[in-house]
């Protein structure tokens, strides 16, 4: 008698297993959910009536019905995790830098606009690598986003080095306008097509760059032989060499120590950056040359960008637009405050004849164009704005 019952249970369980397998075959993987890293969602996407099965047990029908009710009511445990898209955003700037603070504002706003669907995680201080590392990651799709000077993009498209050419822009307003011009839009399109990097925005002011030195630099003649740290970029190196300075390429991370040890006598950055990083404590001569105006760009891997929905892209664009004016106002205020504090702390601040310096550096511009290889169209559009 016991053997008979055991045989019946085995037959019933076999039919139940067979019916479950057939239900599984009726499912198809849905489109990968954002945040799932391409893993398909194997939950059945279609109405239950479209599925076919044979002789499911009553218990199985009840369980399946209960699951359908849970899924329909939005209470499925897996849904929130699968719907979240995480974008890691890298910067080389320290946590207190205005670009980092502004990026976090963008991240917070994007989270609001997408109801938490898109989460931007901000990683300052080169936690995801140095600028070139992160840009290479954008190209490969291993880094989602990078925020930094668009000049770095010259690694891929030569014309982007133009932002690192001294006195190529008249002022911050013209620099910002040029970065929104057809010439720069064309450069950005080439960047997407050739390298898989998309520039979402390039209108965050970085402020005018000035000299800070261990000795006075008040005239063009003072540049002669000046050991000045420059970024390891061709446009910067050649600009200062042609102007008579002893241009010394050096990573930014080594510059403070380089000044302390006398390897270089000077460096240059925006005044708020110099004060925030305490360069005024080892070099007490600030010269307001206003020799360069860069814009910070917000960049994203094209592979990642294409994986976003139209609504997600629109949310990021809106957040960037909303934060831009605030960012630029903060930069201007920080520069004024930094220079005021440096003067109070004993730094000698000198103003130069900017027009004379501009003329001196621009006299070498055609040589720079030949060395670096800027496109004629870009050169013409820039020269048309000179005054």
Protein backbone atom coordinates (compact mmCIF):
# COMPACT_ATOMS: atom_id res chain seq x y z
CA UNK A 1 0.00 0.00 0.00
CA UNK A 2 2.80 2.42 0.90
CA UNK A 3 4.62 1.66 -2.36
CA UNK A 4 1.45 2.49 -4.29
CA UNK A 5 1.12 5.91 -2.66
CA UNK A 6 4.83 6.61 -3.24
CA UNK A 7 4.35 5.82 -6.96
CA UNK A 8 1.38 8.22 -7.15
CA UNK A 9 3.37 11.06 -5.51
CA UNK A 10 6.25 10.48 -7.91
CA UNK A 11 3.93 10.72 -10.93
CA UNK A 12 2.27 13.87 -9.54
CA UNK A 13 5.64 15.56 -8.85
CA UNK A 14 6.92 14.60 -12.31
CA UNK A 15 3.87 16.21 -13.95
CA UNK A 16 4.31 19.30 -11.75
CA UNK A 17 8.00 19.64 -12.69
CA UNK A 18 7.19 19.16 -16.36
CA UNK A 19 4.52 21.86 -16.24
CA UNK A 20 6.94 24.30 -14.57
CA UNK A 21 9.61 23.69 -17.19
CA UNK A 22 7.12 24.38 -19.96
CA UNK A 23 6.12 27.64 -18.31
CA UNK A 24 9.78 28.59 -18.22
CA UNK A 25 10.08 27.87 -21.93
CA UNK A 26 7.19 30.21 -22.57
CA UNK A 27 9.20 33.14 -21.18
CA UNK A 28 11.62 35.26 -23.12
CA UNK A 29 14.25 37.59 -21.69
CA UNK A 30 13.16 41.20 -21.67
CA UNK A 31 15.47 44.07 -22.61
CA UNK A 32 18.31 44.42 -20.09
CA UNK A 33 17.24 46.72 -17.30
CA UNK A 34 19.47 49.74 -16.67
CA UNK A 35 21.95 48.97 -13.92
CA UNK A 36 21.89 45.23 -14.64
CA UNK A 37 25.13 45.50 -16.68
CA UNK A 38 23.53 43.86 -19.66
CA UNK A 39 22.14 40.87 -17.75
CA UNK A 40 18.69 39.97 -19.14
CA UNK A 41 15.67 40.10 -16.91
CA UNK A 42 14.21 36.59 -17.04
CA UNK A 43 10.86 37.53 -15.53
CA UNK A 44 8.07 36.76 -17.98
CA UNK A 45 7.27 40.06 -19.73
CA UNK A 46 4.02 39.17 -21.45
CA UNK A 47 0.47 38.48 -20.21
CA UNK A 48 0.06 35.13 -18.53
CA UNK A 49 -2.52 34.12 -21.15
CA UNK A 50 0.22 34.02 -23.77
CA UNK A 51 2.06 31.27 -21.91
CA UNK A 52 1.23 27.61 -22.48
CA UNK A 53 1.64 24.77 -20.07
CA UNK A 54 0.21 21.31 -19.47
CA UNK A 55 -1.65 20.21 -16.41
CA UNK A 56 -0.18 22.50 -13.75
CA UNK A 57 -1.07 21.53 -10.26
CA UNK A 58 -3.58 23.60 -8.31
CA UNK A 59 -0.85 24.65 -5.88
CA UNK A 60 1.33 25.87 -8.75
CA UNK A 61 -1.57 27.85 -10.26
CA UNK A 62 -2.14 29.58 -6.92
CA UNK A 63 1.56 30.42 -6.55
CA UNK A 64 1.76 31.74 -10.10
CA UNK A 65 -1.33 33.87 -9.58
CA UNK A 66 0.07 35.29 -6.36
CA UNK A 67 3.32 36.17 -8.10
CA UNK A 68 1.43 37.91 -10.91
CA UNK A 69 -0.46 40.04 -8.39
CA UNK A 70 2.75 41.02 -6.63
CA UNK A 71 4.46 41.94 -9.90
CA UNK A 72 1.45 43.91 -11.11
CA UNK A 73 1.27 45.89 -7.89
CA UNK A 74 4.92 46.94 -8.24
CA UNK A 75 5.97 45.10 -5.09
CA UNK A 76 8.45 42.74 -6.72
CA UNK A 77 11.59 42.92 -4.64
CA UNK A 78 13.99 42.90 -7.62
CA UNK A 79 12.46 45.86 -9.48
CA UNK A 80 14.09 48.85 -7.67
CA UNK A 81 17.57 47.36 -7.91
CA UNK A 82 17.20 46.51 -11.59
CA UNK A 83 15.82 49.93 -12.55
CA UNK A 84 18.66 52.02 -11.07
CA UNK A 85 21.35 53.31 -13.43
CA UNK A 86 24.64 54.21 -11.73
CA UNK A 87 27.01 56.66 -13.44
CA UNK A 88 30.43 57.09 -11.87
CA UNK A 89 31.76 60.62 -12.46
CA UNK A 90 35.49 61.21 -12.08
CA UNK A 91 37.38 64.46 -11.48
CA UNK A 92 41.03 65.22 -10.69
CA UNK A 93 40.10 68.18 -8.48
CA UNK A 94 39.97 68.01 -4.65
CA UNK A 95 36.58 67.60 -2.91
CA UNK A 96 36.18 71.29 -2.08
CA UNK A 97 36.82 72.47 -5.65
CA UNK A 98 33.90 74.27 -7.27
CA UNK A 99 33.74 71.76 -10.13
CA UNK A 100 33.30 68.92 -7.65
CA UNK A 101 30.65 70.81 -5.68
CA UNK A 102 28.79 71.71 -8.88
CA UNK A 103 28.97 68.12 -10.14
CA UNK A 104 27.40 66.92 -6.90
CA UNK A 105 24.62 69.48 -7.40
CA UNK A 106 24.03 68.06 -10.86
CA UNK A 107 23.96 64.54 -9.42
CA UNK A 108 21.40 65.53 -6.78
CA UNK A 109 19.21 67.25 -9.35
CA UNK A 110 19.37 64.29 -11.76
CA UNK A 111 18.26 61.99 -8.95
CA UNK A 112 15.27 64.28 -8.34
CA UNK A 113 14.33 64.56 -12.01
CA UNK A 114 14.50 60.79 -12.56
CA UNK A 115 12.92 59.80 -9.23
CA UNK A 116 16.13 58.03 -8.28
CA UNK A 117 16.32 56.09 -11.53
CA UNK A 118 19.72 57.60 -12.38
CA UNK A 119 22.35 57.80 -9.66
CA UNK A 120 25.50 59.82 -10.37
CA UNK A 121 28.33 58.93 -7.99
CA UNK A 122 31.00 61.65 -7.78
CA UNK A 123 34.65 60.62 -7.35
CA UNK A 124 37.01 63.62 -6.88
CA UNK A 125 40.80 63.74 -6.37
CA UNK A 126 41.65 61.34 -9.21
CA UNK A 127 40.07 58.35 -7.46
CA UNK A 128 39.20 56.91 -10.88
CA UNK A 129 42.61 57.79 -12.33
CA UNK A 130 44.27 60.87 -13.77
CA UNK A 131 42.69 62.90 -16.57
CA UNK A 132 44.16 60.93 -19.48
CA UNK A 133 43.32 57.65 -17.73
CA UNK A 134 39.68 58.64 -17.35
CA UNK A 135 39.44 59.94 -20.91
CA UNK A 136 40.83 56.66 -22.22
CA UNK A 137 38.24 54.94 -20.03
CA UNK A 138 35.48 57.00 -21.66
CA UNK A 139 36.67 55.86 -25.07
CA UNK A 140 36.73 52.22 -23.99
CA UNK A 141 33.45 52.48 -22.06
CA UNK A 142 35.09 51.51 -18.75
CA UNK A 143 34.55 55.00 -17.26
CA UNK A 144 31.07 56.54 -17.48
CA UNK A 145 31.72 60.27 -17.02
CA UNK A 146 34.57 62.77 -16.57
CA UNK A 147 34.48 66.45 -15.56
CA UNK A 148 37.55 68.54 -16.39
CA UNK A 149 39.13 71.05 -18.74
CA UNK A 150 38.20 70.39 -22.36
CA UNK A 151 41.85 71.04 -23.27
CA UNK A 152 42.58 67.43 -22.30
CA UNK A 153 40.52 66.30 -25.28
CA UNK A 154 43.39 67.41 -27.52
CA UNK A 155 44.81 63.95 -26.83
CA UNK A 156 42.17 62.67 -29.26
CA UNK A 157 41.24 65.65 -31.43
CA UNK A 158 44.10 68.15 -31.86
CA UNK A 159 41.89 71.24 -32.14
CA UNK A 160 40.88 70.91 -28.49
CA UNK A 161 44.43 71.92 -27.50
CA UNK A 162 43.47 75.43 -28.62
CA UNK A 163 42.04 76.17 -25.16
CA UNK A 164 45.56 75.74 -23.79
CA UNK A 165 46.99 78.36 -26.14
CA UNK A 166 47.79 81.59 -24.31
CA UNK A 167 45.78 84.73 -25.09
CA UNK A 168 43.73 82.94 -27.73
CA UNK A 169 40.56 84.28 -26.06
CA UNK A 170 39.91 87.92 -25.18
CA UNK A 171 38.12 87.22 -21.90
CA UNK A 172 35.98 84.65 -20.10
CA UNK A 173 32.78 85.65 -21.89
CA UNK A 174 34.35 85.21 -25.31
CA UNK A 175 35.91 81.91 -24.27
CA UNK A 176 32.51 80.63 -23.14
CA UNK A 177 30.87 81.83 -26.36
CA UNK A 178 33.54 80.17 -28.52
CA UNK A 179 33.02 76.87 -26.72
CA UNK A 180 29.37 77.07 -27.83
CA UNK A 181 30.26 78.07 -31.41
CA UNK A 182 29.80 76.01 -34.56
CA UNK A 183 33.56 75.41 -34.67
CA UNK A 184 33.60 73.79 -31.23
CA UNK A 185 30.37 71.90 -31.91
CA UNK A 186 32.04 70.43 -34.98
CA UNK A 187 35.02 69.39 -32.87
CA UNK A 188 32.65 67.71 -30.43
CA UNK A 189 30.91 65.83 -33.25
CA UNK A 190 34.27 64.53 -34.49
CA UNK A 191 35.06 63.41 -30.96
CA UNK A 192 31.91 61.29 -30.83
CA UNK A 193 32.37 59.84 -34.29
CA UNK A 194 36.08 59.05 -33.99
CA UNK A 195 36.57 58.30 -30.31
CA UNK A 196 33.23 57.53 -28.66
CA UNK A 197 33.39 60.47 -26.24
CA UNK A 198 30.48 62.91 -26.00
CA UNK A 199 30.77 66.42 -24.54
CA UNK A 200 27.50 67.17 -22.74
CA UNK A 201 28.50 70.71 -21.77
CA UNK A 202 31.60 72.91 -21.96
CA UNK A 203 30.52 76.18 -20.38
CA UNK A 204 31.68 75.98 -16.76
CA UNK A 205 34.15 78.84 -16.30
CA UNK A 206 37.54 78.03 -14.81
CA UNK A 207 38.52 81.66 -14.35
CA UNK A 208 41.51 83.57 -15.78
CA UNK A 209 44.88 81.95 -15.12
CA UNK A 210 47.60 84.02 -13.45
CA UNK A 211 51.25 83.60 -12.51
CA UNK A 212 52.39 82.92 -8.99
CA UNK A 213 56.15 82.94 -8.43
CA UNK A 214 58.93 83.02 -5.88
CA UNK A 215 60.21 86.21 -7.55
CA UNK A 216 58.57 89.21 -9.15
CA UNK A 217 57.15 88.74 -12.64
CA UNK A 218 55.78 92.14 -13.61
CA UNK A 219 56.94 92.65 -17.20
CA UNK A 220 57.38 90.60 -20.35
CA UNK A 221 61.13 90.86 -19.83
CA UNK A 222 60.74 89.08 -16.48
CA UNK A 223 59.63 85.99 -18.40
CA UNK A 224 63.13 85.54 -19.83
CA UNK A 225 64.57 82.38 -18.33
CA UNK A 226 61.72 82.01 -15.81
CA UNK A 227 61.51 78.37 -14.72
CA UNK A 228 57.77 77.90 -14.91
CA UNK A 229 55.84 74.71 -14.45
CA UNK A 230 53.55 74.01 -17.38
CA UNK A 231 51.11 71.17 -18.08
CA UNK A 232 52.69 68.36 -20.12
CA UNK A 233 50.83 69.50 -23.23
CA UNK A 234 52.49 70.72 -26.42
CA UNK A 235 50.51 73.94 -26.75
CA UNK A 236 51.50 75.09 -23.25
CA UNK A 237 55.15 74.12 -23.62
CA UNK A 238 55.67 75.85 -26.96
CA UNK A 239 53.78 78.99 -25.88
CA UNK A 240 56.09 79.65 -22.97
CA UNK A 241 59.26 78.65 -24.82
CA UNK A 242 58.54 81.11 -27.61
CA UNK A 243 57.86 83.80 -25.00
CA UNK A 244 61.35 83.28 -23.55
CA UNK A 245 60.50 81.29 -20.43
CA UNK A 246 62.15 78.03 -19.38
CA UNK A 247 59.00 75.93 -19.70
CA UNK A 248 59.18 72.90 -17.42
CA UNK A 249 56.56 70.19 -18.02
CA UNK A 250 55.54 68.74 -14.67
CA UNK A 251 52.54 66.78 -13.35
CA UNK A 252 50.28 68.93 -11.23
CA UNK A 253 50.73 66.57 -8.30
CA UNK A 254 54.47 67.38 -8.20
CA UNK A 255 54.21 71.15 -8.64
CA UNK A 256 53.90 72.22 -4.99
CA UNK A 257 57.00 70.23 -4.04
CA UNK A 258 58.76 71.48 -7.18
CA UNK A 259 58.26 75.07 -6.03
CA UNK A 260 59.40 74.25 -2.51
CA UNK A 261 62.59 72.62 -3.77
CA UNK A 262 63.37 75.29 -6.36
CA UNK A 263 62.97 72.98 -9.35
CA UNK A 264 60.62 75.64 -10.73
CA UNK A 265 60.17 79.29 -9.76
CA UNK A 266 56.61 79.73 -10.90
CA UNK A 267 53.37 78.10 -11.87
CA UNK A 268 50.06 79.40 -13.14
CA UNK A 269 46.43 78.70 -12.40
CA UNK A 270 43.26 80.59 -11.52
CA UNK A 271 43.65 82.58 -8.29
CA UNK A 272 40.99 80.62 -6.39
CA UNK A 273 42.78 77.38 -7.24
CA UNK A 274 46.17 78.77 -6.16
CA UNK A 275 44.81 80.00 -2.85
CA UNK A 276 42.77 76.88 -2.16
CA UNK A 277 45.86 74.73 -2.63
CA UNK A 278 48.03 77.09 -0.53
CA UNK A 279 50.54 77.97 -3.22
CA UNK A 280 50.69 81.46 -1.77
CA UNK A 281 52.46 80.04 1.29
CA UNK A 282 55.56 79.16 -0.76
CA UNK A 283 55.38 81.70 -3.62
CA UNK A 284 54.47 85.24 -2.61
CA UNK A 285 54.25 87.06 -5.96
CA UNK A 286 50.95 86.92 -7.85
CA UNK A 287 50.84 88.49 -11.31
CA UNK A 288 47.40 89.00 -12.84
CA UNK A 289 48.16 88.25 -16.47
CA UNK A 290 44.78 86.74 -17.41
CA UNK A 291 46.68 84.76 -20.04
CA UNK A 292 44.29 81.85 -20.42
CA UNK A 293 40.58 81.17 -20.17
CA UNK A 294 39.49 77.55 -20.16
CA UNK A 295 36.10 75.98 -19.76
CA UNK A 296 35.31 72.86 -17.80
CA UNK A 297 33.62 70.18 -19.84
CA UNK A 298 31.23 67.43 -18.73
CA UNK A 299 31.95 64.32 -20.79
CA UNK A 300 30.34 60.92 -21.06
CA UNK A 301 31.18 57.67 -22.80
CA UNK A 302 29.11 57.43 -25.98
CA UNK A 303 28.43 53.78 -25.21
CA UNK A 304 26.94 54.79 -21.87
CA UNK A 305 25.06 57.71 -23.39
CA UNK A 306 23.37 55.48 -25.95
CA UNK A 307 22.25 53.14 -23.17
CA UNK A 308 20.26 55.94 -21.50
CA UNK A 309 16.63 56.65 -22.31
CA UNK A 310 15.61 59.95 -23.87
CA UNK A 311 14.11 61.04 -20.55
CA UNK A 312 17.34 60.23 -18.70
CA UNK A 313 19.41 62.19 -21.21
CA UNK A 314 17.02 65.12 -20.93
CA UNK A 315 17.25 65.05 -17.13
CA UNK A 316 21.05 65.25 -17.22
CA UNK A 317 20.94 68.10 -19.76
CA UNK A 318 18.42 70.01 -17.65
CA UNK A 319 20.45 69.57 -14.46
CA UNK A 320 23.62 70.80 -16.19
CA UNK A 321 21.80 73.82 -17.54
CA UNK A 322 20.35 74.69 -14.13
CA UNK A 323 23.71 74.48 -12.34
CA UNK A 324 25.84 76.38 -14.90
CA UNK A 325 24.99 79.97 -13.91
CA UNK A 326 25.42 79.16 -10.22
CA UNK A 327 28.80 77.56 -10.93
CA UNK A 328 30.10 80.54 -12.89
CA UNK A 329 28.91 83.04 -10.29
CA UNK A 330 30.68 81.04 -7.60
CA UNK A 331 33.93 80.99 -9.59
CA UNK A 332 33.94 84.78 -9.99
CA UNK A 333 33.19 85.28 -6.28
CA UNK A 334 35.85 82.79 -5.22
CA UNK A 335 38.53 84.46 -7.35
CA UNK A 336 37.81 87.88 -5.84
CA UNK A 337 37.81 86.44 -2.32
CA UNK A 338 41.03 84.48 -2.89
CA UNK A 339 42.93 87.50 -4.16
CA UNK A 340 41.69 89.59 -1.25
CA UNK A 341 42.85 86.96 1.23
CA UNK A 342 46.23 86.53 -0.46
CA UNK A 343 46.85 90.28 -0.26
CA UNK A 344 45.90 90.24 3.43
CA UNK A 345 48.35 87.40 4.00
CA UNK A 346 51.29 89.28 2.49
CA UNK A 347 51.28 88.23 -1.15
CA UNK A 348 52.44 90.97 -3.53
CA UNK A 349 49.86 91.31 -6.31
CA UNK A 350 50.86 92.98 -9.56
CA UNK A 351 48.75 93.92 -12.57
CA UNK A 352 50.33 93.95 -16.02
CA UNK A 353 49.55 95.65 -19.30
CA UNK A 354 47.41 92.78 -20.56
CA UNK A 355 47.20 94.22 -24.08
CA UNK A 356 51.01 94.28 -24.35
CA UNK A 357 51.27 90.70 -23.10
CA UNK A 358 48.49 89.65 -25.44
CA UNK A 359 50.30 91.18 -28.42
CA UNK A 360 53.58 89.51 -27.41
CA UNK A 361 52.08 86.02 -27.20
CA UNK A 362 49.83 86.39 -30.23
CA UNK A 363 52.85 87.32 -32.35
CA UNK A 364 53.89 83.67 -31.96
CA UNK A 365 50.44 82.23 -32.65
CA UNK A 366 51.04 81.24 -36.28
CA UNK A 367 54.15 79.34 -35.20
CA UNK A 368 52.10 77.53 -32.55
CA UNK A 369 49.50 76.67 -35.19
CA UNK A 370 52.17 75.04 -37.35
CA UNK A 371 53.73 73.13 -34.44
CA UNK A 372 50.47 71.82 -32.97
CA UNK A 373 48.51 71.52 -36.21
CA UNK A 374 45.25 73.39 -35.58
CA UNK A 375 42.73 73.32 -38.42
CA UNK A 376 42.56 76.46 -40.62
CA UNK A 377 38.81 76.79 -39.98
CA UNK A 378 39.31 76.97 -36.22
CA UNK A 379 42.19 79.46 -36.53
CA UNK A 380 40.14 81.74 -38.77
CA UNK A 381 37.14 81.69 -36.43
CA UNK A 382 39.35 82.61 -33.46
CA UNK A 383 41.26 85.39 -35.19
CA UNK A 384 37.97 86.93 -36.31
CA UNK A 385 37.16 87.52 -32.62
CA UNK A 386 40.51 89.07 -31.63
CA UNK A 387 40.58 92.66 -30.53
